[in-house]
Structure formats: C-alpha cells, structure tokens
Amino acid sequence: MNRTKLNVAVSEAQRFIALAKQLPKPEPYTSGEHTFTHDYFPKQQGSIKRASMDLTRALADLRKPS
C-alpha cells in the first residue's frame, strides 16, 4: 500500500466529514396551516458532493496497484 495515497485518502475523508458536519440543520417553516422543512442549501450540498467525489477518486487510486 502506498502511504502517500493513503494520506491523500485520509485527508479527503476528513474534508468530507468536516463539510458534512457544517451543513446547516433543516429549518421548519409554516405556510398557512402546513409546516414544511427548508432543507435546501445548494452551495453547502454542492461542496459535500464535490468532496465525496474527490474521496471516491482517492479511494480508487489507493486500490490501484503501485
């Protein structure tokens, strides 16, 4: 196992977890008699998706023979 690739994968995993923890909690709001939940944070969710893709790539590189 290549230690450099392992370190990259760990770094990407930590970045993904940090972004996921920073995602704002859903905000309830009412409209008339109904209560809805606002859970749409496109910038934060986009960052999390990007970090997930980077982590996936780092893990794939880790599995490749060196």
N, C-alpha and C. Protein backbone atom coordinates (compact mmCIF):
# COMPACT_ATOMS: atom_id res chain seq x y z
N MET A 1 0.85 -1.17 0.00
CA MET A 1 0.00 0.00 0.00
C MET A 1 0.90 1.24 0.00
N ASN A 2 0.58 2.16 -0.85
CA ASN A 2 1.34 3.39 -0.98
C ASN A 2 0.90 4.38 0.11
N ARG A 3 1.82 4.74 0.96
CA ARG A 3 1.50 5.63 2.10
C ARG A 3 1.06 7.02 1.64
N THR A 4 1.60 7.49 0.55
CA THR A 4 1.21 8.81 0.05
C THR A 4 -0.26 8.79 -0.37
N LYS A 5 -0.66 7.74 -1.09
CA LYS A 5 -2.06 7.62 -1.50
C LYS A 5 -2.98 7.45 -0.29
N LEU A 6 -2.49 6.73 0.71
CA LEU A 6 -3.26 6.56 1.94
C LEU A 6 -3.47 7.90 2.64
N ASN A 7 -2.43 8.69 2.72
CA ASN A 7 -2.54 10.01 3.35
C ASN A 7 -3.51 10.92 2.59
N VAL A 8 -3.50 10.84 1.28
CA VAL A 8 -4.43 11.64 0.47
C VAL A 8 -5.86 11.20 0.75
N ALA A 9 -6.10 9.90 0.81
CA ALA A 9 -7.44 9.38 1.08
C ALA A 9 -7.93 9.80 2.47
N VAL A 10 -7.07 9.74 3.44
CA VAL A 10 -7.44 10.16 4.80
C VAL A 10 -7.76 11.64 4.83
N SER A 11 -6.96 12.43 4.15
CA SER A 11 -7.20 13.87 4.08
C SER A 11 -8.54 14.19 3.43
N GLU A 12 -8.85 13.50 2.33
CA GLU A 12 -10.12 13.71 1.65
C GLU A 12 -11.30 13.27 2.53
N ALA A 13 -11.12 12.18 3.26
CA ALA A 13 -12.18 11.72 4.17
C ALA A 13 -12.44 12.75 5.27
N GLN A 14 -11.38 13.30 5.81
CA GLN A 14 -11.54 14.32 6.85
C GLN A 14 -12.22 15.57 6.31
N ARG A 15 -11.89 15.95 5.08
CA ARG A 15 -12.53 17.12 4.47
C ARG A 15 -14.01 16.87 4.26
N PHE A 16 -14.35 15.66 3.77
CA PHE A 16 -15.76 15.29 3.56
C PHE A 16 -16.53 15.35 4.88
N ILE A 17 -15.98 14.76 5.93
CA ILE A 17 -16.66 14.74 7.23
C ILE A 17 -16.84 16.16 7.78
N ALA A 18 -15.82 16.99 7.65
CA ALA A 18 -15.91 18.37 8.15
C ALA A 18 -17.02 19.14 7.43
N LEU A 19 -17.10 19.00 6.11
CA LEU A 19 -18.15 19.69 5.36
C LEU A 19 -19.53 19.16 5.71
N ALA A 20 -19.64 17.84 5.89
CA ALA A 20 -20.94 17.25 6.24
C ALA A 20 -21.41 17.75 7.61
N LYS A 21 -20.49 17.92 8.53
CA LYS A 21 -20.86 18.40 9.87
C LYS A 21 -21.25 19.88 9.85
N GLN A 22 -20.76 20.63 8.88
CA GLN A 22 -21.07 22.06 8.78
C GLN A 22 -22.40 22.34 8.09
N LEU A 23 -23.02 21.32 7.50
CA LEU A 23 -24.29 21.52 6.80
C LEU A 23 -25.33 22.03 7.79
N PRO A 24 -25.99 23.14 7.48
CA PRO A 24 -27.00 23.67 8.41
C PRO A 24 -28.13 22.67 8.63
N LYS A 25 -28.69 22.73 9.82
CA LYS A 25 -29.83 21.86 10.14
C LYS A 25 -31.06 22.34 9.38
N PRO A 26 -31.97 21.43 9.06
CA PRO A 26 -33.20 21.82 8.38
C PRO A 26 -33.98 22.83 9.22
N GLU A 27 -34.58 23.79 8.55
CA GLU A 27 -35.32 24.84 9.23
C GLU A 27 -36.82 24.67 8.96
N PRO A 28 -37.61 24.44 10.02
CA PRO A 28 -39.06 24.34 9.80
C PRO A 28 -39.68 25.72 9.56
N TYR A 29 -40.70 25.76 8.72
CA TYR A 29 -41.46 26.99 8.49
C TYR A 29 -42.90 26.62 8.19
N THR A 30 -43.79 27.54 8.42
CA THR A 30 -45.20 27.27 8.18
C THR A 30 -45.69 28.10 7.01
N SER A 31 -46.62 27.51 6.31
CA SER A 31 -47.28 28.20 5.20
C SER A 31 -48.77 27.86 5.33
N GLY A 32 -49.51 28.83 5.81
CA GLY A 32 -50.92 28.57 6.07
C GLY A 32 -51.05 27.62 7.24
N GLU A 33 -51.71 26.52 7.02
CA GLU A 33 -51.92 25.53 8.09
C GLU A 33 -50.86 24.43 8.08
N HIS A 34 -49.96 24.46 7.13
CA HIS A 34 -49.00 23.37 6.96
C HIS A 34 -47.61 23.80 7.43
N THR A 35 -46.88 22.83 7.96
CA THR A 35 -45.49 23.04 8.36
C THR A 35 -44.60 22.28 7.40
N PHE A 36 -43.61 22.97 6.87
CA PHE A 36 -42.66 22.39 5.94
C PHE A 36 -41.25 22.49 6.52
N THR A 37 -40.32 21.82 5.90
CA THR A 37 -38.92 21.89 6.32
C THR A 37 -38.08 22.42 5.17
N HIS A 38 -37.34 23.49 5.46
CA HIS A 38 -36.39 24.04 4.48
C HIS A 38 -35.08 23.31 4.65
N ASP A 39 -34.76 22.45 3.69
CA ASP A 39 -33.52 21.68 3.74
C ASP A 39 -32.82 21.78 2.40
N TYR A 40 -32.75 23.00 1.88
CA TYR A 40 -32.14 23.22 0.56
C TYR A 40 -31.03 24.24 0.73
N PHE A 41 -29.80 23.74 0.74
CA PHE A 41 -28.62 24.57 0.89
C PHE A 41 -27.67 24.22 -0.26
N PRO A 42 -27.93 24.77 -1.45
CA PRO A 42 -27.20 24.30 -2.65
C PRO A 42 -25.69 24.47 -2.59
N LYS A 43 -25.19 25.56 -2.04
CA LYS A 43 -23.73 25.75 -2.00
C LYS A 43 -23.08 24.71 -1.10
N GLN A 44 -23.65 24.52 0.07
CA GLN A 44 -23.07 23.56 1.01
C GLN A 44 -23.22 22.14 0.50
N GLN A 45 -24.39 21.81 -0.06
CA GLN A 45 -24.59 20.47 -0.58
C GLN A 45 -23.70 20.19 -1.78
N GLY A 46 -23.46 21.20 -2.60
CA GLY A 46 -22.54 21.04 -3.72
C GLY A 46 -21.12 20.78 -3.25
N SER A 47 -20.70 21.48 -2.20
CA SER A 47 -19.36 21.25 -1.65
C SER A 47 -19.22 19.83 -1.10
N ILE A 48 -20.28 19.36 -0.46
CA ILE A 48 -20.25 18.00 0.09
C ILE A 48 -20.17 16.97 -1.04
N LYS A 49 -20.94 17.18 -2.09
CA LYS A 49 -20.91 16.25 -3.23
C LYS A 49 -19.53 16.24 -3.88
N ARG A 50 -18.92 17.42 -4.02
CA ARG A 50 -17.58 17.50 -4.60
C ARG A 50 -16.57 16.77 -3.73
N ALA A 51 -16.66 16.97 -2.42
CA ALA A 51 -15.74 16.28 -1.50
C ALA A 51 -15.95 14.77 -1.58
N SER A 52 -17.20 14.34 -1.75
CA SER A 52 -17.49 12.91 -1.89
C SER A 52 -16.85 12.35 -3.15
N MET A 53 -16.93 13.08 -4.25
CA MET A 53 -16.31 12.62 -5.49
C MET A 53 -14.79 12.57 -5.37
N ASP A 54 -14.21 13.57 -4.70
CA ASP A 54 -12.76 13.56 -4.50
C ASP A 54 -12.33 12.40 -3.62
N LEU A 55 -13.12 12.11 -2.60
CA LEU A 55 -12.83 10.97 -1.73
C LEU A 55 -12.93 9.66 -2.50
N THR A 56 -13.95 9.54 -3.33
CA THR A 56 -14.10 8.33 -4.15
C THR A 56 -12.89 8.12 -5.04
N ARG A 57 -12.43 9.19 -5.66
CA ARG A 57 -11.25 9.10 -6.54
C ARG A 57 -10.01 8.72 -5.73
N ALA A 58 -9.84 9.30 -4.55
CA ALA A 58 -8.67 8.98 -3.72
C ALA A 58 -8.70 7.51 -3.29
N LEU A 59 -9.90 7.01 -2.97
CA LEU A 59 -10.00 5.59 -2.57
C LEU A 59 -9.73 4.67 -3.76
N ALA A 60 -10.20 5.05 -4.94
CA ALA A 60 -9.93 4.25 -6.13
C ALA A 60 -8.43 4.22 -6.42
N ASP A 61 -7.77 5.36 -6.30
CA ASP A 61 -6.32 5.41 -6.51
C ASP A 61 -5.59 4.55 -5.48
N LEU A 62 -6.11 4.52 -4.26
CA LEU A 62 -5.49 3.72 -3.20
C LEU A 62 -5.56 2.24 -3.53
N ARG A 63 -6.63 1.82 -4.18
CA ARG A 63 -6.81 0.39 -4.50
C ARG A 63 -6.00 -0.05 -5.71
N LYS A 64 -5.57 0.90 -6.53
CA LYS A 64 -4.77 0.55 -7.71
C LYS A 64 -3.41 0.03 -7.28
N PRO A 65 -2.91 -0.98 -7.94
CA PRO A 65 -1.56 -1.45 -7.61
C PRO A 65 -0.52 -0.39 -7.96
N SER A 66 0.47 -0.29 -7.13
CA SER A 66 1.50 0.73 -7.36
C SER A 66 2.61 0.20 -8.21
